[in-house]
Protein backbone atom coordinates (compact mmCIF):
# COMPACT_ATOMS: atom_id res chain seq x y z
CA MET A 1 -19.88 -10.39 -123.04
CA LYS A 2 -23.57 -9.79 -122.28
CA LYS A 3 -23.02 -6.12 -121.50
CA THR A 4 -21.14 -5.45 -124.73
CA TYR A 5 -23.67 -7.50 -126.67
CA PHE A 6 -26.51 -5.25 -125.53
CA ILE A 7 -24.45 -2.18 -126.46
CA TRP A 8 -23.98 -3.54 -129.99
CA LEU A 9 -27.67 -4.46 -130.09
CA SER A 10 -28.68 -0.93 -129.10
CA ILE A 11 -26.53 0.56 -131.87
CA HIS A 12 -28.06 -1.84 -134.41
CA CYS A 13 -31.58 -0.91 -133.26
CA VAL A 14 -30.92 2.78 -133.81
CA VAL A 15 -29.36 2.21 -137.24
CA TRP A 16 -32.08 -0.17 -138.44
CA VAL A 17 -34.90 2.13 -137.31
CA LEU A 18 -33.39 4.98 -139.31
CA ALA A 19 -32.74 2.67 -142.28
CA TYR A 20 -36.35 1.42 -142.19
CA TRP A 21 -37.62 4.98 -142.42
CA GLU A 22 -35.56 5.44 -145.55
CA PHE A 23 -36.58 2.40 -147.59
CA ALA A 24 -39.96 1.56 -146.03
CA ALA A 25 -41.63 2.57 -149.30
CA ASN A 26 -39.30 0.31 -151.30
CA LEU A 27 -39.55 -2.69 -148.91
CA ASN A 28 -40.12 -5.77 -151.06
CA ALA A 29 -40.10 -9.52 -150.35
CA ARG A 30 -36.36 -9.83 -151.02
CA ARG A 31 -35.45 -7.01 -148.65
CA LEU A 32 -37.91 -8.18 -145.99
CA THR A 33 -36.54 -11.74 -146.11
CA GLY A 34 -32.97 -10.49 -145.84
CA LEU A 35 -33.86 -8.13 -142.97
CA VAL A 36 -35.64 -10.85 -140.97
CA ALA A 37 -32.73 -13.28 -141.45
CA PHE A 38 -30.24 -10.57 -140.45
CA LEU A 39 -32.11 -9.76 -137.24
CA VAL A 40 -32.46 -13.46 -136.36
CA LEU A 41 -28.69 -13.90 -136.71
CA LEU A 42 -28.17 -10.73 -134.67
CA PHE A 43 -30.13 -12.13 -131.73
CA ILE A 44 -28.55 -15.63 -131.71
CA VAL A 45 -24.91 -14.49 -131.82
CA LEU A 46 -24.78 -14.45 -128.03
CA LEU A 47 -25.77 -18.12 -127.85
CA PHE A 48 -22.47 -19.13 -129.49
CA LYS A 49 -20.04 -17.00 -127.48
CA GLU A 50 -17.99 -20.12 -126.66
CA LYS A 51 -17.91 -21.25 -130.31
CA PRO A 52 -15.96 -18.69 -132.37
CA LEU A 53 -16.16 -20.76 -135.57
CA ILE A 54 -19.97 -20.60 -135.56
CA GLN A 55 -19.80 -16.90 -134.76
CA THR A 56 -17.54 -16.43 -137.78
CA LEU A 57 -20.13 -18.15 -140.00
CA LEU A 58 -22.91 -15.99 -138.52
CA PHE A 59 -21.02 -12.76 -139.18
CA CYS A 60 -20.22 -13.90 -142.73
CA SER A 61 -23.90 -14.68 -143.28
CA GLN A 62 -24.83 -11.20 -142.06
CA ALA A 63 -22.27 -9.73 -144.46
CA LEU A 64 -23.85 -11.58 -147.39
CA LEU A 65 -27.36 -10.60 -146.30
CA THR A 66 -26.45 -6.94 -146.68
CA ILE A 67 -26.46 -7.57 -150.47
CA LEU A 68 -30.11 -8.66 -150.34
CA ILE A 69 -31.14 -5.86 -148.03
CA PHE A 70 -29.24 -2.94 -149.59
CA TYR A 71 -29.18 -4.04 -153.24
CA PRO A 72 -29.30 -0.69 -155.04
CA ILE A 73 -32.67 0.51 -156.27
CA ASN A 74 -32.33 2.71 -159.35
CA ASN A 75 -28.57 2.23 -158.92
CA GLU A 76 -28.55 4.44 -155.80
CA LEU A 77 -26.38 3.54 -152.80
CA SER A 78 -27.95 3.74 -149.33
CA PRO A 79 -25.63 5.32 -146.73
CA TYR A 80 -27.01 2.90 -144.14
CA ALA A 81 -25.44 0.03 -146.07
CA ILE A 82 -22.00 1.44 -145.23
CA ILE A 83 -22.98 1.91 -141.56
CA VAL A 84 -24.33 -1.64 -141.18
CA GLN A 85 -21.32 -3.13 -142.95
CA SER A 86 -19.02 -1.13 -140.67
CA LEU A 87 -20.86 -2.49 -137.62
CA ILE A 88 -20.45 -6.07 -138.83
CA ILE A 89 -16.71 -5.60 -139.35
CA ALA A 90 -16.36 -3.90 -135.95
CA GLU A 91 -18.24 -6.71 -134.16
CA ALA A 92 -16.14 -9.37 -135.87
CA VAL A 93 -12.92 -7.63 -134.84
CA PHE A 94 -14.21 -7.21 -131.27
CA TYR A 95 -15.39 -10.78 -130.73
CA LEU A 96 -13.12 -12.92 -132.93
CA SER A 97 -9.44 -13.63 -133.31
CA ARG A 98 -7.23 -12.08 -136.00
CA VAL A 99 -7.67 -14.94 -138.50
CA LYS A 100 -11.42 -15.40 -138.07
CA SER A 101 -12.11 -11.67 -138.10
CA SER A 102 -10.04 -11.37 -141.32
CA VAL A 103 -12.35 -13.93 -142.95
CA VAL A 104 -15.41 -11.88 -141.99
CA ILE A 105 -13.72 -8.69 -143.21
CA ALA A 106 -12.93 -10.31 -146.57
CA VAL A 107 -16.53 -11.47 -147.04
CA GLN A 108 -17.91 -8.10 -145.98
CA LEU A 109 -15.55 -6.16 -148.29
CA ALA A 110 -16.56 -8.42 -151.15
CA SER A 111 -20.24 -7.70 -150.43
CA ALA A 112 -19.51 -3.98 -150.20
CA ALA A 113 -17.57 -4.07 -153.47
CA LEU A 114 -20.50 -5.76 -155.23
CA ILE A 115 -22.96 -3.13 -153.95
CA LEU A 116 -20.61 -0.28 -154.92
CA MET A 117 -20.07 -1.62 -158.41
CA ILE A 118 -23.80 -1.92 -159.02
CA SER A 119 -24.44 1.60 -157.74
CA THR A 120 -23.97 4.60 -159.99
CA LEU A 121 -21.10 6.32 -158.23
CA THR A 122 -18.57 8.68 -159.62
CA THR A 123 -14.88 7.85 -159.57
CA SER A 124 -14.39 10.27 -156.73
CA GLN A 125 -17.17 8.64 -154.68
CA LEU A 126 -15.74 5.18 -155.30
CA PHE A 127 -12.33 6.42 -154.22
CA TRP A 128 -13.65 7.88 -150.98
CA CYS A 129 -15.66 4.73 -150.22
CA ALA A 130 -12.60 2.56 -150.82
CA LEU A 131 -10.48 4.86 -148.63
CA TYR A 132 -13.12 4.74 -145.88
CA TYR A 133 -13.17 0.92 -145.82
CA LEU A 134 -9.38 0.78 -145.90
CA LEU A 135 -9.01 3.18 -142.97
CA LEU A 136 -11.81 1.38 -141.08
CA VAL A 137 -10.16 -2.02 -141.43
CA VAL A 138 -6.69 -0.70 -140.52
CA ALA A 139 -8.04 1.15 -137.47
CA LEU A 140 -10.06 -1.83 -136.24
CA LEU A 141 -7.20 -4.29 -136.71
CA TYR A 142 -4.85 -1.93 -134.90
CA HIS A 143 -7.38 -1.67 -132.09
CA GLN A 144 -7.56 -5.46 -131.99
CA VAL A 145 -3.78 -5.70 -131.59
CA ILE A 146 -3.76 -3.14 -128.76
CA HIS A 147 -6.77 -4.77 -127.12
CA ASN A 148 -5.19 -8.22 -127.24
CA LYS A 149 -1.95 -6.90 -125.76
CA GLU A 150 -3.88 -5.22 -122.94
CA LYS A 151 -5.84 -8.42 -122.37
CA GLU A 152 -2.65 -10.49 -122.22
CA ALA A 153 -1.07 -7.96 -119.84
CA ARG A 154 -4.17 -8.02 -117.63
CA LEU A 155 -4.23 -11.82 -117.54
CA SER A 156 -0.51 -11.86 -116.78
CA ASN A 157 -0.98 -9.33 -113.98
CA GLU A 158 -3.88 -11.33 -112.57
CA ALA A 159 -1.78 -14.50 -112.66
CA LEU A 160 1.12 -12.73 -110.95
CA PHE A 161 -1.21 -11.24 -108.36
CA GLU A 162 -2.75 -14.64 -107.67
CA GLU A 163 0.72 -16.13 -107.32
CA TYR A 164 1.63 -13.30 -104.96
CA ARG A 165 -1.47 -13.98 -102.86
CA ASN A 166 -0.65 -17.70 -102.78
CA MET A 167 2.89 -16.91 -101.65
CA LYS A 168 1.57 -14.62 -98.91
CA ARG A 169 -0.80 -17.36 -97.75
CA GLN A 170 2.03 -19.88 -97.80
CA LEU A 171 4.30 -17.53 -95.86
CA LEU A 172 1.56 -16.94 -93.31
CA VAL A 173 1.00 -20.67 -92.90
CA GLU A 174 4.73 -21.29 -92.56
CA GLU A 175 5.05 -18.42 -90.08
CA GLN A 176 2.19 -19.78 -88.00
CA GLN A 177 3.67 -23.28 -88.15
CA ALA A 178 7.11 -21.97 -87.11
CA ARG A 179 5.52 -20.08 -84.23
CA GLN A 180 3.60 -23.17 -83.17
CA ASP A 181 6.74 -25.31 -83.40
CA GLU A 182 8.56 -22.79 -81.23
CA ARG A 183 5.74 -22.88 -78.70
CA MET A 184 5.86 -26.66 -78.70
CA LEU A 185 9.63 -26.58 -78.17
CA ILE A 186 9.29 -24.16 -75.26
CA GLY A 187 6.54 -26.33 -73.80
CA HIS A 188 8.68 -29.44 -74.04
CA GLU A 189 11.62 -27.64 -72.42
CA ILE A 190 9.43 -26.47 -69.55
CA HIS A 191 8.01 -29.95 -69.15
CA ASP A 192 11.41 -31.66 -69.27
CA SER A 193 13.23 -29.22 -67.01
CA VAL A 194 10.90 -27.41 -64.62
CA GLY A 195 8.28 -30.16 -64.55
CA HIS A 196 10.74 -32.94 -63.79
CA LYS A 197 12.48 -30.89 -61.11
CA LEU A 198 9.19 -30.06 -59.43
CA THR A 199 8.23 -33.72 -59.49
CA ALA A 200 11.56 -34.64 -57.90
CA LEU A 201 11.03 -31.90 -55.33
CA LEU A 202 7.62 -33.38 -54.43
CA PHE A 203 9.20 -36.79 -53.81
CA GLN A 204 11.82 -35.21 -51.63
CA PHE A 205 9.20 -33.28 -49.63
CA GLU A 206 7.23 -36.49 -49.12
CA ALA A 207 10.33 -38.38 -48.00
CA PHE A 208 11.30 -35.56 -45.66
CA ARG A 209 7.76 -35.39 -44.24
CA LEU A 210 7.85 -39.06 -43.32
CA THR A 211 11.06 -38.61 -41.32
CA ALA A 212 10.46 -35.08 -40.03
CA ALA A 213 9.50 -34.23 -36.49
CA GLU A 214 5.83 -33.84 -35.69
CA LYS A 215 6.13 -30.06 -35.32
CA ASP A 216 7.67 -29.71 -38.82
CA LYS A 217 5.21 -31.94 -40.70
CA GLU A 218 2.65 -29.12 -41.11
CA THR A 219 5.27 -26.79 -42.63
CA VAL A 220 6.53 -29.55 -44.93
CA GLY A 221 2.95 -30.30 -45.98
CA LYS A 222 2.38 -26.67 -46.95
CA LEU A 223 5.60 -26.64 -48.92
CA LYS A 224 4.56 -29.84 -50.68
CA GLU A 225 1.15 -28.33 -51.46
CA LEU A 226 2.84 -25.25 -52.90
CA ALA A 227 5.07 -27.44 -55.06
CA GLU A 228 2.02 -29.41 -56.28
CA GLN A 229 0.29 -26.16 -57.27
CA SER A 230 3.42 -25.03 -59.10
CA LEU A 231 3.58 -28.35 -60.93
CA GLU A 232 -0.08 -28.12 -61.92
CA GLU A 233 0.37 -24.53 -63.19
CA THR A 234 3.41 -25.67 -65.15
CA ARG A 235 1.37 -28.43 -66.77
CA GLN A 236 -1.38 -25.96 -67.64
CA ALA A 237 1.20 -23.64 -69.17
CA VAL A 238 2.58 -26.51 -71.25
CA ARG A 239 -0.93 -27.42 -72.42
CA SER A 240 -1.60 -23.80 -73.38
CA PHE A 241 1.61 -23.77 -75.42
CA LYS A 242 0.38 -26.78 -77.36
CA GLN A 243 -2.97 -25.17 -78.11
CA ARG A 244 -3.37 -22.89 -81.10
CA GLU A 245 -5.59 -20.09 -79.84
CA VAL A 246 -6.73 -17.65 -82.49
CA GLY A 247 -7.95 -14.19 -81.55
CA GLY A 248 -8.85 -10.91 -83.21
CA LEU A 249 -10.59 -10.61 -86.57
CA GLN A 250 -9.14 -13.86 -87.85
CA GLY A 251 -10.52 -15.70 -84.83
CA VAL A 252 -13.91 -14.03 -85.26
CA ILE A 253 -14.08 -15.10 -88.91
CA GLN A 254 -13.29 -18.69 -87.93
CA LEU A 255 -15.84 -18.50 -85.12
CA ILE A 256 -18.54 -17.21 -87.49
CA ARG A 257 -17.77 -19.97 -89.97
CA LYS A 258 -17.98 -22.58 -87.22
CA LEU A 259 -21.29 -21.25 -85.89
CA GLU A 260 -22.85 -21.10 -89.35
CA ILE A 261 -21.84 -24.69 -90.08
CA GLU A 262 -22.50 -26.31 -86.72
CA SER A 263 -25.34 -24.20 -85.32
CA PHE A 264 -27.10 -23.14 -88.53
CA MET A 265 -26.77 -19.47 -87.62
CA LYS A 266 -26.95 -16.78 -90.29
CA ILE A 267 -24.33 -14.13 -89.49
CA ASN A 268 -23.85 -11.01 -91.62
CA PHE A 269 -20.24 -9.91 -91.18
CA SER A 270 -19.20 -6.36 -92.11
CA VAL A 271 -15.73 -4.75 -91.92
CA ARG A 272 -15.61 -0.99 -92.51
CA HIS A 273 -13.33 2.02 -92.13
CA GLY A 274 -9.95 0.30 -91.95
CA ALA A 275 -10.77 -2.25 -89.27
CA PHE A 276 -8.34 -4.79 -90.70
CA ALA A 277 -5.50 -2.25 -90.57
CA ALA A 278 -6.20 -1.13 -86.99
CA PRO A 279 -3.05 -1.47 -84.82
CA LEU A 280 -4.53 -3.69 -82.10
CA THR A 281 -2.31 -5.25 -79.48
CA GLY A 282 -2.47 -8.99 -78.91
CA GLU A 283 -4.37 -8.52 -75.66
CA GLN A 284 -6.89 -6.17 -77.28
CA SER A 285 -7.33 -8.50 -80.24
CA PHE A 286 -8.04 -11.44 -77.98
CA ALA A 287 -10.44 -9.39 -75.82
CA ILE A 288 -12.44 -8.49 -78.93
CA TYR A 289 -12.56 -12.12 -79.98
CA ARG A 290 -13.83 -13.22 -76.56
CA ALA A 291 -16.40 -10.43 -76.46
CA VAL A 292 -17.85 -11.31 -79.87
CA GLN A 293 -17.77 -14.99 -78.95
CA GLU A 294 -19.72 -14.32 -75.74
CA ALA A 295 -22.26 -12.15 -77.57
CA LEU A 296 -22.90 -14.78 -80.24
CA THR A 297 -23.12 -17.49 -77.59
CA ASN A 298 -25.78 -15.46 -75.77
CA ILE A 299 -27.74 -15.15 -79.00
CA MET A 300 -27.63 -18.92 -79.45
CA LYS A 301 -28.79 -19.50 -75.86
CA HIS A 302 -31.42 -16.81 -75.36
CA SER A 303 -32.57 -15.48 -78.74
CA SER A 304 -35.53 -16.87 -80.63
CA THR A 305 -33.88 -15.96 -83.95
CA ARG A 306 -30.83 -17.53 -85.54
CA GLU A 307 -29.57 -14.39 -87.25
CA ALA A 308 -27.04 -11.76 -86.14
CA GLN A 309 -25.11 -8.81 -87.55
CA VAL A 310 -21.42 -8.35 -86.64
CA ASN A 311 -19.79 -5.02 -87.57
CA PHE A 312 -16.14 -3.97 -87.21
CA GLU A 313 -14.91 -0.44 -87.87
CA SER A 314 -12.08 1.91 -86.95
CA PRO A 315 -13.35 5.45 -87.67
CA GLY A 316 -10.54 7.96 -87.96
CA GLY A 317 -7.98 5.38 -86.87
CA SER A 318 -8.36 6.54 -83.26
CA ILE A 319 -10.66 3.84 -81.92
CA PHE A 320 -11.73 0.32 -82.78
CA ARG A 321 -15.42 -0.49 -82.50
CA PHE A 322 -17.36 -3.71 -82.84
CA GLU A 323 -21.12 -4.30 -82.76
CA VAL A 324 -23.14 -7.48 -82.43
CA ILE A 325 -26.80 -6.91 -83.30
CA ASN A 326 -29.61 -9.41 -82.90
CA ALA A 327 -33.23 -8.95 -83.87
CA VAL A 328 -35.70 -9.33 -80.97
CA THR A 329 -39.19 -10.59 -81.78
CA HIS A 330 -40.82 -9.70 -78.46
CA ASP A 331 -40.21 -7.62 -75.35
CA ARG A 332 -38.98 -9.28 -72.21
CA TYR A 333 -37.16 -8.39 -69.06
CA PHE A 334 -33.42 -7.93 -69.49
CA GLN A 335 -30.78 -8.15 -66.81
CA GLU A 336 -27.02 -8.04 -67.35
CA GLY A 337 -25.66 -11.46 -66.41
CA TYR A 338 -22.27 -12.89 -65.62
CA GLY A 339 -21.21 -13.22 -69.27
CA LEU A 340 -21.80 -9.56 -70.10
CA LYS A 341 -20.16 -8.44 -66.87
CA ALA A 342 -17.08 -10.54 -67.65
CA MET A 343 -17.07 -9.10 -71.16
CA ARG A 344 -17.19 -5.55 -69.77
CA GLU A 345 -14.33 -6.24 -67.33
CA ARG A 346 -12.20 -7.82 -70.06
CA LEU A 347 -12.63 -4.79 -72.34
CA GLU A 348 -11.97 -2.33 -69.52
CA LYS A 349 -8.66 -4.07 -68.80
CA VAL A 350 -7.47 -3.21 -72.32
CA GLY A 351 -8.75 0.38 -72.21
CA GLY A 352 -12.16 -0.26 -73.73
CA THR A 353 -15.83 0.21 -72.89
CA LEU A 354 -18.97 -1.85 -73.39
CA GLU A 355 -22.46 -0.58 -74.20
CA ILE A 356 -25.68 -2.59 -74.10
CA ASP A 357 -28.61 -1.20 -76.09
CA TYR A 358 -31.84 -3.14 -75.61
CA GLU A 359 -34.75 -1.86 -77.67
CA ALA A 360 -38.11 -3.20 -78.71
CA HIS A 361 -36.89 -4.87 -81.89
CA ARG A 362 -33.17 -5.40 -81.42
CA PHE A 363 -30.45 -6.20 -78.90
CA LEU A 364 -27.10 -4.49 -79.51
CA VAL A 365 -23.73 -5.10 -77.87
CA ARG A 366 -21.16 -2.43 -78.74
CA GLY A 367 -17.52 -2.46 -77.65
CA THR A 368 -15.07 0.40 -78.14
CA ILE A 369 -11.29 0.30 -77.66
CA ARG A 370 -8.96 3.28 -77.94
CA LEU A 371 -5.96 2.48 -80.15
CA ALA A 372 -2.61 2.85 -78.40
CA ASP A 373 -0.51 4.31 -81.22
CA TRP A 374 -3.04 6.83 -82.53
CA GLY A 375 -1.40 10.15 -83.37
CA GLY A 376 -3.98 12.21 -81.50
CA SER A 377 -3.71 13.73 -78.04
CA ASP A 378 -5.53 12.95 -74.86
CA ASP A 379 -5.12 16.45 -73.47
């Protein structure tokens, strides 16, 4: 409402400056009092935007004040009276409901009728003035009907869109829950079948070792050790099924939120050029997540600042690029450690590259991955 209020205010300023030039010589105490009261009401309308009844009273008061301001001198009608009255009616129709704006219109038309009757106008002039007010009111009320219908349609569309977004969120949650339940079921089946059989096999190996000949005990021991390793790997697989590991952009967003809450880091996150729509594989998505995680962890460990910039982009749809930028306050010796080397190896496994840019005032980690289903050619 503030923007439209200042538009109306600007129009009033233009009209009142021109009107002042016209009757500055005939400005008396009555006109000055009415003008000051009108302008005061004009400036306080915005304060009552949540109270339409008070706004109705203010507009009606402005309509009555036009009588004091534009009361005909020498029975001559000022054209600015018609302009100001038209503005009051237009504002009432714009801000108020049909009933309340009709009240303001009735008061304003009554004020206009009084001014017209006092003025010396010919029958033809009175007819044209009456026709003008009639067409103005009809046009503004018609606009109000169309505007209200558009507003209702917009609110309905916004409600439907919000419901659609809620349904998509619910479907995503249910899909993730179904996937997790399936993982849990697979984990339980592995634990109940493979795990139990491996455990039974270990008991049998141990029983056989106790009764086996001395020359066979070493072989049986190796077999038992192999079975123990298989059992341990099975248990790790079951534990990984029960974990909910999040990768990709969604995992990065959760990681950023966690770091900002727990570590008081300020992270500026930017997604540009269709990064969300990039067709990343699960392995690529997880590699990006781990790379960003490692870069932010290094900032927490080694940087003197608690601020970082994370950028994602997919220019042209052919590659996916991420950048982690940290401001450096002083120069110091830099050497690529184990974390950055592991990050480089992980990206290279999924067809990506890693660049380290260390300058006087910033430290930049940039990873680039070529998208598998891009329509371009490698030739």
